[in-house]
PDB file of N, CA and C in Angstrom:
ATOM      1  N   MET A   1      -2.707  10.195 -39.701  1.00  0.00           N
ATOM      2  CA  MET A   1      -1.363  10.463 -39.305  1.00  0.00           C
ATOM      3  C   MET A   1      -1.262  10.087 -37.867  1.00  0.00           C
ATOM      4  N   THR A   2       0.011   9.325 -37.580  1.00  0.00           N
ATOM      5  CA  THR A   2       0.076   8.892 -36.140  1.00  0.00           C
ATOM      6  C   THR A   2       0.402  10.044 -35.528  1.00  0.00           C
ATOM      7  N   ARG A   3       0.814   9.706 -33.977  1.00  0.00           N
ATOM      8  CA  ARG A   3       1.444  10.675 -33.460  1.00  0.00           C
ATOM      9  C   ARG A   3       3.069  11.104 -33.478  1.00  0.00           C
ATOM     10  N   ALA A   4       3.616   9.829 -33.938  1.00  0.00           N
ATOM     11  CA  ALA A   4       4.716   9.902 -34.119  1.00  0.00           C
ATOM     12  C   ALA A   4       5.347  10.452 -35.469  1.00  0.00           C
ATOM     13  N   THR A   5       4.418  10.479 -36.386  1.00  0.00           N
ATOM     14  CA  THR A   5       4.583  10.976 -37.784  1.00  0.00           C
ATOM     15  C   THR A   5       4.478  12.786 -37.677  1.00  0.00           C
ATOM     16  N   ARG A   6       3.365  13.071 -36.810  1.00  0.00           N
ATOM     17  CA  ARG A   6       3.158  14.359 -36.367  1.00  0.00           C
ATOM     18  C   ARG A   6       4.608  14.922 -35.671  1.00  0.00           C
ATOM     19  N   PHE A   7       4.712  14.141 -34.693  1.00  0.00           N
ATOM     20  CA  PHE A   7       5.945  14.770 -33.843  1.00  0.00           C
ATOM     21  C   PHE A   7       7.018  14.848 -34.800  1.00  0.00           C
ATOM     22  N   LEU A   8       7.502  13.871 -35.561  1.00  0.00           N
ATOM     23  CA  LEU A   8       9.045  14.037 -36.509  1.00  0.00           C
ATOM     24  C   LEU A   8       8.846  15.018 -37.511  1.00  0.00           C
ATOM     25  N   ILE A   9       7.228  15.555 -37.894  1.00  0.00           N
ATOM     26  CA  ILE A   9       7.058  16.579 -38.925  1.00  0.00           C
ATOM     27  C   ILE A   9       7.340  17.732 -38.521  1.00  0.00           C
ATOM     28  N   LEU A  10       6.777  18.017 -37.170  1.00  0.00           N
ATOM     29  CA  LEU A  10       7.005  19.164 -36.352  1.00  0.00           C
ATOM     30  C   LEU A  10       8.497  19.394 -35.854  1.00  0.00           C
ATOM     31  N   SER A  11       8.986  18.277 -35.383  1.00  0.00           N
ATOM     32  CA  SER A  11      10.330  18.397 -34.907  1.00  0.00           C
ATOM     33  C   SER A  11      11.256  18.666 -35.979  1.00  0.00           C
ATOM     34  N   SER A  12      11.005  18.152 -37.026  1.00  0.00           N
ATOM     35  CA  SER A  12      11.917  18.459 -38.347  1.00  0.00           C
ATOM     36  C   SER A  12      11.629  19.828 -38.727  1.00  0.00           C
ATOM     37  N   ILE A  13      10.398  20.428 -38.894  1.00  0.00           N
ATOM     38  CA  ILE A  13      10.417  21.854 -39.111  1.00  0.00           C
ATOM     39  C   ILE A  13      11.010  22.707 -38.078  1.00  0.00           C
ATOM     40  N   CYS A  14      10.781  22.783 -36.848  1.00  0.00           N
ATOM     41  CA  CYS A  14      11.432  23.068 -35.837  1.00  0.00           C
ATOM     42  C   CYS A  14      13.070  23.190 -35.789  1.00  0.00           C
ATOM     43  N   ALA A  15      13.425  21.991 -36.343  1.00  0.00           N
ATOM     44  CA  ALA A  15      14.908  21.612 -36.321  1.00  0.00           C
ATOM     45  C   ALA A  15      15.512  22.722 -37.625  1.00  0.00           C
ATOM     46  N   THR A  16      14.625  22.532 -38.545  1.00  0.00           N
ATOM     47  CA  THR A  16      15.271  23.514 -39.643  1.00  0.00           C
ATOM     48  C   THR A  16      15.138  24.715 -39.484  1.00  0.00           C
ATOM     49  N   LEU A  17      14.212  25.291 -38.824  1.00  0.00           N
ATOM     50  CA  LEU A  17      14.232  26.860 -38.755  1.00  0.00           C
ATOM     51  C   LEU A  17      15.055  27.280 -37.749  1.00  0.00           C
ATOM     52  N   TYR A  18      15.378  26.359 -36.804  1.00  0.00           N
ATOM     53  CA  TYR A  18      16.320  26.588 -35.925  1.00  0.00           C
ATOM     54  C   TYR A  18      17.817  26.711 -36.284  1.00  0.00           C
ATOM     55  N   ALA A  19      18.210  25.785 -37.516  1.00  0.00           N
ATOM     56  CA  ALA A  19      19.502  25.995 -38.028  1.00  0.00           C
ATOM     57  C   ALA A  19      19.430  27.210 -38.975  1.00  0.00           C
ATOM     58  N   LEU A  20      18.359  27.412 -39.630  1.00  0.00           N
ATOM     59  CA  LEU A  20      18.212  28.527 -40.558  1.00  0.00           C
ATOM     60  C   LEU A  20      18.525  29.828 -39.700  1.00  0.00           C
ATOM     61  N   ALA A  21      18.095  29.915 -38.264  1.00  0.00           N
ATOM     62  CA  ALA A  21      18.083  31.102 -37.638  1.00  0.00           C
ATOM     63  C   ALA A  21      19.590  30.875 -36.970  1.00  0.00           C
ATOM     64  N   PHE A  22      20.123  29.995 -36.594  1.00  0.00           N
ATOM     65  CA  PHE A  22      21.603  29.616 -36.145  1.00  0.00           C
ATOM     66  C   PHE A  22      22.817  30.103 -37.093  1.00  0.00           C
ATOM     67  N   PHE A  23      22.565  29.945 -38.435  1.00  0.00           N
ATOM     68  CA  PHE A  23      23.495  30.094 -39.304  1.00  0.00           C
ATOM     69  C   PHE A  23      23.052  31.203 -39.821  1.00  0.00           C
ATOM     70  N   SER A  24      22.504  32.127 -39.319  1.00  0.00           N
ATOM     71  CA  SER A  24      21.786  33.582 -39.756  1.00  0.00           C
ATOM     72  C   SER A  24      21.534  33.669 -41.133  1.00  0.00           C
ATOM     73  N   ILE A  25      20.964  32.403 -41.750  1.00  0.00           N
ATOM     74  CA  ILE A  25      20.163  32.444 -42.814  1.00  0.00           C
ATOM     75  C   ILE A  25      18.780  33.344 -42.842  1.00  0.00           C
ATOM     76  N   LEU A  26      18.336  32.807 -41.840  1.00  0.00           N
ATOM     77  CA  LEU A  26      16.927  33.539 -41.673  1.00  0.00           C
ATOM     78  C   LEU A  26      16.827  34.521 -40.277  1.00  0.00           C
ATOM     79  N   PRO A  27      16.505  35.718 -40.340  1.00  0.00           N
ATOM     80  CA  PRO A  27      16.497  36.575 -39.058  1.00  0.00           C
ATOM     81  C   PRO A  27      15.317  36.161 -38.357  1.00  0.00           C
ATOM     82  N   VAL A  28      15.968  36.417 -36.999  1.00  0.00           N
ATOM     83  CA  VAL A  28      14.909  36.343 -36.098  1.00  0.00           C
ATOM     84  C   VAL A  28      14.153  37.401 -35.913  1.00  0.00           C
ATOM     85  N   PRO A  29      12.685  37.522 -35.956  1.00  0.00           N
ATOM     86  CA  PRO A  29      11.863  38.904 -35.650  1.00  0.00           C
ATOM     87  C   PRO A  29      11.774  39.128 -34.315  1.00  0.00           C
ATOM     88  N   PHE A  30      11.882  40.635 -34.231  1.00  0.00           N
ATOM     89  CA  PHE A  30      11.631  41.264 -32.817  1.00  0.00           C
ATOM     90  C   PHE A  30      12.972  41.234 -31.885  1.00  0.00           C
ATOM     91  N   ILE A  31      14.101  40.559 -32.286  1.00  0.00           N
ATOM     92  CA  ILE A  31      15.410  40.520 -31.605  1.00  0.00           C
ATOM     93  C   ILE A  31      16.219  41.044 -32.149  1.00  0.00           C
ATOM     94  N   GLU A  32      17.145  41.711 -31.514  1.00  0.00           N
ATOM     95  CA  GLU A  32      18.247  42.249 -32.309  1.00  0.00           C
ATOM     96  C   GLU A  32      19.456  41.217 -32.694  1.00  0.00           C
ATOM     97  N   GLU A  33      20.107  41.281 -33.625  1.00  0.00           N
ATOM     98  CA  GLU A  33      21.248  40.028 -34.012  1.00  0.00           C
ATOM     99  C   GLU A  33      21.921  39.817 -33.080  1.00  0.00           C
ATOM    100  N   SER A  34      22.380  40.584 -32.234  1.00  0.00           N
ATOM    101  CA  SER A  34      23.801  40.538 -31.362  1.00  0.00           C
ATOM    102  C   SER A  34      23.077  39.799 -30.147  1.00  0.00           C
ATOM    103  N   ILE A  35      21.693  39.912 -29.750  1.00  0.00           N
ATOM    104  CA  ILE A  35      21.008  39.367 -28.583  1.00  0.00           C
ATOM    105  C   ILE A  35      20.589  37.865 -29.077  1.00  0.00           C
ATOM    106  N   ALA A  36      20.172  37.385 -30.513  1.00  0.00           N
ATOM    107  CA  ALA A  36      20.146  36.420 -30.854  1.00  0.00           C
ATOM    108  C   ALA A  36      21.158  35.514 -31.062  1.00  0.00           C
ATOM    109  N   GLU A  37      22.419  36.252 -31.427  1.00  0.00           N
ATOM    110  CA  GLU A  37      23.799  35.420 -31.532  1.00  0.00           C
ATOM    111  C   GLU A  37      23.896  34.761 -30.048  1.00  0.00           C
ATOM    112  N   GLN A  38      23.842  35.723 -29.107  1.00  0.00           N
ATOM    113  CA  GLN A  38      24.087  34.888 -27.665  1.00  0.00           C
ATOM    114  C   GLN A  38      22.983  33.824 -27.164  1.00  0.00           C
ATOM    115  N   ILE A  39      21.593  33.926 -27.685  1.00  0.00           N
ATOM    116  CA  ILE A  39      20.811  33.285 -27.199  1.00  0.00           C
ATOM    117  C   ILE A  39      20.565  31.681 -28.027  1.00  0.00           C
ATOM    118  N   LEU A  40      20.957  31.945 -29.303  1.00  0.00           N
ATOM    119  CA  LEU A  40      20.572  30.753 -30.193  1.00  0.00           C
ATOM    120  C   LEU A  40      21.491  29.623 -29.942  1.00  0.00           C
ATOM    121  N   PRO A  41      22.837  29.851 -29.513  1.00  0.00           N
ATOM    122  CA  PRO A  41      23.589  28.474 -29.210  1.00  0.00           C
ATOM    123  C   PRO A  41      23.098  27.942 -28.035  1.00  0.00           C
ATOM    124  N   VAL A  42      22.552  28.437 -26.793  1.00  0.00           N
ATOM    125  CA  VAL A  42      22.009  27.778 -25.656  1.00  0.00           C
ATOM    126  C   VAL A  42      20.527  27.091 -25.842  1.00  0.00           C
ATOM    127  N   ILE A  43      19.938  27.328 -26.859  1.00  0.00           N
ATOM    128  CA  ILE A  43      18.414  27.121 -27.065  1.00  0.00           C
ATOM    129  C   ILE A  43      18.416  25.365 -26.598  1.00  0.00           C
ATOM    130  N   PRO A  44      19.456  24.546 -27.463  1.00  0.00           N
ATOM    131  CA  PRO A  44      19.167  23.048 -27.563  1.00  0.00           C
ATOM    132  C   PRO A  44      19.926  22.541 -25.941  1.00  0.00           C
ATOM    133  N   TRP A  45      20.404  23.296 -25.274  1.00  0.00           N
ATOM    134  CA  TRP A  45      20.768  22.753 -23.850  1.00  0.00           C
ATOM    135  C   TRP A  45      19.481  23.194 -22.977  1.00  0.00           C
ATOM    136  N   TRP A  46      19.093  24.304 -23.147  1.00  0.00           N
ATOM    137  CA  TRP A  46      17.840  24.501 -22.243  1.00  0.00           C
ATOM    138  C   TRP A  46      16.816  23.640 -22.545  1.00  0.00           C
ATOM    139  N   LEU A  47      16.574  23.236 -23.746  1.00  0.00           N
ATOM    140  CA  LEU A  47      15.182  22.336 -24.151  1.00  0.00           C
ATOM    141  C   LEU A  47      15.699  20.946 -23.597  1.00  0.00           C
ATOM    142  N   LEU A  48      17.208  20.480 -23.497  1.00  0.00           N
ATOM    143  CA  LEU A  48      17.438  19.361 -23.061  1.00  0.00           C
ATOM    144  C   LEU A  48      17.212  19.476 -21.358  1.00  0.00           C
ATOM    145  N   VAL A  49      17.559  20.608 -20.864  1.00  0.00           N
ATOM    146  CA  VAL A  49      17.166  20.332 -19.236  1.00  0.00           C
ATOM    147  C   VAL A  49      15.974  20.813 -18.958  1.00  0.00           C
ATOM    148  N   SER A  50      14.943  21.481 -19.728  1.00  0.00           N
ATOM    149  CA  SER A  50      13.688  21.439 -19.392  1.00  0.00           C
ATOM    150  C   SER A  50      13.116  20.060 -19.628  1.00  0.00           C
ATOM    151  N   PHE A  51      13.602  19.332 -20.658  1.00  0.00           N
ATOM    152  CA  PHE A  51      12.921  17.913 -20.634  1.00  0.00           C
ATOM    153  C   PHE A  51      13.546  17.219 -19.523  1.00  0.00           C
ATOM    154  N   GLY A  52      14.366  17.090 -19.359  1.00  0.00           N
ATOM    155  CA  GLY A  52      15.016  16.368 -18.162  1.00  0.00           C
ATOM    156  C   GLY A  52      14.232  16.711 -16.858  1.00  0.00           C
ATOM    157  N   SER A  53      13.995  18.154 -16.452  1.00  0.00           N
ATOM    158  CA  SER A  53      13.158  18.530 -15.115  1.00  0.00           C
ATOM    159  C   SER A  53      12.122  17.934 -15.406  1.00  0.00           C
ATOM    160  N   TYR A  54      10.997  17.853 -16.808  1.00  0.00           N
ATOM    161  CA  TYR A  54       9.875  17.508 -16.469  1.00  0.00           C
ATOM    162  C   TYR A  54       9.840  15.998 -16.612  1.00  0.00           C
ATOM    163  N   SER A  55      11.034  15.269 -17.053  1.00  0.00           N
ATOM    164  CA  SER A  55      10.946  13.828 -16.511  1.00  0.00           C
ATOM    165  C   SER A  55      10.917  13.509 -15.268  1.00  0.00           C
ATOM    166  N   LEU A  56      11.767  14.112 -14.894  1.00  0.00           N
ATOM    167  CA  LEU A  56      11.967  13.954 -13.222  1.00  0.00           C
ATOM    168  C   LEU A  56      10.790  14.260 -12.233  1.00  0.00           C
ATOM    169  N   TRP A  57      10.304  15.554 -12.529  1.00  0.00           N
ATOM    170  CA  TRP A  57       8.848  15.849 -12.271  1.00  0.00           C
ATOM    171  C   TRP A  57       7.659  14.982 -12.196  1.00  0.00           C
ATOM    172  N   SER A  58       7.298  14.299 -13.353  1.00  0.00           N
ATOM    173  CA  SER A  58       6.458  13.222 -13.665  1.00  0.00           C
ATOM    174  C   SER A  58       6.962  12.152 -13.084  1.00  0.00           C
ATOM    175  N   LEU A  59       8.270  11.790 -12.995  1.00  0.00           N
ATOM    176  CA  LEU A  59       8.593  10.313 -12.235  1.00  0.00           C
ATOM    177  C   LEU A  59       8.120  10.659 -10.851  1.00  0.00           C
ATOM    178  N   GLY A  60       8.659  12.003 -10.123  1.00  0.00           N
ATOM    179  CA  GLY A  60       8.384  11.882  -8.720  1.00  0.00           C
ATOM    180  C   GLY A  60       7.099  12.279  -8.594  1.00  0.00           C
ATOM    181  N   TRP A  61       6.347  12.591  -9.358  1.00  0.00           N
ATOM    182  CA  TRP A  61       4.728  12.974  -8.970  1.00  0.00           C
ATOM    183  C   TRP A  61       4.103  11.488  -8.991  1.00  0.00           C
ATOM    184  N   GLY A  62       4.537  10.647 -10.014  1.00  0.00           N
ATOM    185  CA  GLY A  62       3.888   9.390 -10.015  1.00  0.00           C
ATOM    186  C   GLY A  62       4.122   8.487  -8.915  1.00  0.00           C
ATOM    187  N   LEU A  63       5.439   8.582  -8.215  1.00  0.00           N
ATOM    188  CA  LEU A  63       5.805   7.930  -7.068  1.00  0.00           C
ATOM    189  C   LEU A  63       5.162   8.437  -5.894  1.00  0.00           C
ATOM    190  N   TRP A  64       4.846   9.769  -6.053  1.00  0.00           N
ATOM    191  CA  TRP A  64       3.850  10.397  -4.798  1.00  0.00           C
ATOM    192  C   TRP A  64       2.604  10.267  -4.728  1.00  0.00           C
ATOM    193  N   THR A  65       2.207   9.920  -5.696  1.00  0.00           N
ATOM    194  CA  THR A  65       0.687   9.546  -6.002  1.00  0.00           C
ATOM    195  C   THR A  65       0.497   8.104  -6.119  1.00  0.00           C
ATOM    196  N   PHE A  66       1.665   7.376  -5.869  1.00  0.00           N
ATOM    197  CA  PHE A  66       1.338   5.973  -6.252  1.00  0.00           C
ATOM    198  C   PHE A  66       0.168   5.233  -5.483  1.00  0.00           C
ATOM    199  N   ARG A  67      -0.107   5.527  -4.101  1.00  0.00           N
ATOM    200  CA  ARG A  67      -0.791   4.982  -3.136  1.00  0.00           C
ATOM    201  C   ARG A  67      -2.324   5.428  -3.223  1.00  0.00           C
ATOM    202  N   ASP A  68      -2.254   6.302  -4.350  1.00  0.00           N
ATOM    203  CA  ASP A  68      -3.473   6.781  -4.628  1.00  0.00           C
ATOM    204  C   ASP A  68      -4.425   5.855  -5.537  1.00  0.00           C
ATOM    205  N   CYS A  69      -3.686   5.036  -6.008  1.00  0.00           N
ATOM    206  CA  CYS A  69      -4.179   3.835  -6.775  1.00  0.00           C
ATOM    207  C   CYS A  69      -4.318   2.541  -6.102  1.00  0.00           C
ATOM    208  N   PRO A  70      -5.231   2.132  -5.277  1.00  0.00           N
ATOM    209  CA  PRO A  70      -4.865   1.129  -4.412  1.00  0.00           C
ATOM    210  C   PRO A  70      -4.992  -0.264  -5.066  1.00  0.00           C
ATOM    211  N   ASP A  71      -5.482  -0.196  -6.111  1.00  0.00           N
ATOM    212  CA  ASP A  71      -5.911  -1.622  -6.827  1.00  0.00           C
ATOM    213  C   ASP A  71      -4.572  -1.976  -7.353  1.00  0.00           C
ATOM    214  N   ALA A  72      -3.925  -1.009  -8.121  1.00  0.00           N
ATOM    215  CA  ALA A  72      -2.317  -1.256  -8.671  1.00  0.00           C
ATOM    216  C   ALA A  72      -1.198  -1.317  -7.415  1.00  0.00           C
ATOM    217  N   TYR A  73      -1.539  -0.608  -6.664  1.00  0.00           N
ATOM    218  CA  TYR A  73      -0.339  -1.053  -5.268  1.00  0.00           C
ATOM    219  C   TYR A  73      -0.784  -2.485  -4.592  1.00  0.00           C
ATOM    220  N   GLU A  74      -2.043  -2.692  -4.529  1.00  0.00           N
ATOM    221  CA  GLU A  74      -2.069  -4.252  -4.090  1.00  0.00           C
ATOM    222  C   GLU A  74      -1.735  -5.350  -5.134  1.00  0.00           C
ATOM    223  N   GLU A  75      -1.818  -5.224  -6.366  1.00  0.00           N
ATOM    224  CA  GLU A  75      -1.287  -6.037  -7.390  1.00  0.00           C
ATOM    225  C   GLU A  75       0.269  -5.994  -7.559  1.00  0.00           C
ATOM    226  N   LEU A  76       0.739  -4.862  -7.504  1.00  0.00           N
ATOM    227  CA  LEU A  76       2.263  -4.875  -7.264  1.00  0.00           C
ATOM    228  C   LEU A  76       2.791  -5.465  -6.298  1.00  0.00           C
ATOM    229  N   LEU A  77       2.197  -5.373  -4.941  1.00  0.00           N
ATOM    230  CA  LEU A  77       2.696  -6.056  -3.744  1.00  0.00           C
ATOM    231  C   LEU A  77       2.408  -7.664  -4.103  1.00  0.00           C
ATOM    232  N   LYS A  78       1.375  -8.044  -4.606  1.00  0.00           N
ATOM    233  CA  LYS A  78       1.403  -9.325  -4.818  1.00  0.00           C
ATOM    234  C   LYS A  78       2.370  -9.825  -5.832  1.00  0.00           C
ATOM    235  N   GLU A  79       2.585  -9.234  -6.847  1.00  0.00           N
ATOM    236  CA  GLU A  79       3.727  -9.672  -7.744  1.00  0.00           C
ATOM    237  C   GLU A  79       5.023  -9.800  -6.821  1.00  0.00           C
ATOM    238  N   ILE A  80       5.509  -8.657  -6.254  1.00  0.00           N
ATOM    239  CA  ILE A  80       6.717  -8.930  -5.265  1.00  0.00           C
ATOM    240  C   ILE A  80       6.617 -10.143  -4.638  1.00  0.00           C
ATOM    241  N   THR A  81       5.597 -10.294  -3.908  1.00  0.00           N
ATOM    242  CA  THR A  81       5.729 -11.671  -2.906  1.00  0.00           C
ATOM    243  C   THR A  81       5.861 -12.932  -3.949  1.00  0.00           C
ATOM    244  N   MET A  82       5.047 -12.781  -5.109  1.00  0.00           N
ATOM    245  CA  MET A  82       5.172 -14.075  -6.014  1.00  0.00           C
ATOM    246  C   MET A  82       6.698 -14.199  -6.247  1.00  0.00           C
ATOM    247  N   ALA A  83       7.469 -12.992  -6.796  1.00  0.00           N
ATOM    248  CA  ALA A  83       8.426 -13.165  -7.184  1.00  0.00           C
ATOM    249  C   ALA A  83       9.609 -13.638  -6.045  1.00  0.00           C
ATOM    250  N   LYS A  84       9.630 -13.119  -4.864  1.00  0.00           N
ATOM    251  CA  LYS A  84      10.298 -13.539  -3.939  1.00  0.00           C
ATOM    252  C   LYS A  84      10.003 -15.025  -3.679  1.00  0.00           C
ATOM    253  N   ASP A  85       8.703 -15.330  -3.625  1.00  0.00           N
ATOM    254  CA  ASP A  85       8.540 -16.768  -3.344  1.00  0.00           C
ATOM    255  C   ASP A  85       9.296 -17.836  -4.353  1.00  0.00           C
ATOM    256  N   ASP A  86       9.279 -17.237  -5.717  1.00  0.00           N
ATOM    257  CA  ASP A  86       9.795 -17.958  -6.915  1.00  0.00           C
ATOM    258  C   ASP A  86      11.301 -17.993  -6.519  1.00  0.00           C
ATOM    259  N   LEU A  87      11.806 -16.962  -6.134  1.00  0.00           N
ATOM    260  CA  LEU A  87      13.324 -17.023  -5.957  1.00  0.00           C
ATOM    261  C   LEU A  87      13.746 -17.843  -4.822  1.00  0.00           C
ATOM    262  N   ARG A  88      12.962 -17.916  -3.701  1.00  0.00           N
ATOM    263  CA  ARG A  88      13.089 -18.652  -2.394  1.00  0.00           C
ATOM    264  C   ARG A  88      12.899 -20.300  -3.169  1.00  0.00           C
ATOM    265  N   THR A  89      12.111 -20.394  -3.653  1.00  0.00           N
ATOM    266  CA  THR A  89      12.064 -22.141  -4.455  1.00  0.00           C
ATOM    267  C   THR A  89      13.519 -22.366  -5.131  1.00  0.00           C
ATOM    268  N   LYS A  90      13.888 -21.615  -5.813  1.00  0.00           N
ATOM    269  CA  LYS A  90      15.124 -21.463  -6.599  1.00  0.00           C
ATOM    270  C   LYS A  90      16.559 -21.560  -5.745  1.00  0.00           C
ATOM    271  N   GLY A  91      16.349 -21.186  -4.207  1.00  0.00           N
ATOM    272  CA  GLY A  91      17.552 -21.343  -3.420  1.00  0.00           C
ATOM    273  C   GLY A  91      18.108 -19.525  -3.323  1.00  0.00           C
ATOM    274  N   VAL A  92      17.404 -18.578  -3.871  1.00  0.00           N
ATOM    275  CA  VAL A  92      17.990 -17.229  -3.798  1.00  0.00           C
ATOM    276  C   VAL A  92      17.711 -16.782  -2.524  1.00  0.00           C
ATOM    277  N   PRO A  93      18.653 -16.461  -1.392  1.00  0.00           N
ATOM    278  CA  PRO A  93      17.901 -15.594  -0.391  1.00  0.00           C
ATOM    279  C   PRO A  93      17.882 -14.288  -0.937  1.00  0.00           C
ATOM    280  N   VAL A  94      16.546 -13.933  -0.357  1.00  0.00           N
ATOM    281  CA  VAL A  94      15.832 -12.639  -0.817  1.00  0.00           C
ATOM    282  C   VAL A  94      15.804 -11.563   0.513  1.00  0.00           C
ATOM    283  N   ASP A  95      15.812 -11.856   1.785  1.00  0.00           N
ATOM    284  CA  ASP A  95      15.711 -11.177   2.605  1.00  0.00           C
ATOM    285  C   ASP A  95      16.934 -10.594   3.270  1.00  0.00           C
TER     286      ASP A  95
END
């Protein structure tokens, strides 16, 4: 079973349980019904904001630690130089 299959199965199970709890078909254990009615509608937005925060953090961390990979840094600089030279030969002002 691939990761994508596992992810789809797990996310469909979670989405089904959420829908059942949201429409009050399945009671939420250990939480009063009035509190569950206030919390359940905002869970998708909370997940979206959490995913966005994690994505921005991992992107920023990757940029912050990029110079810790000297081989990749040098390779990227060479590719940038090659691309600039290629554009200059085609008459595009780069600088």
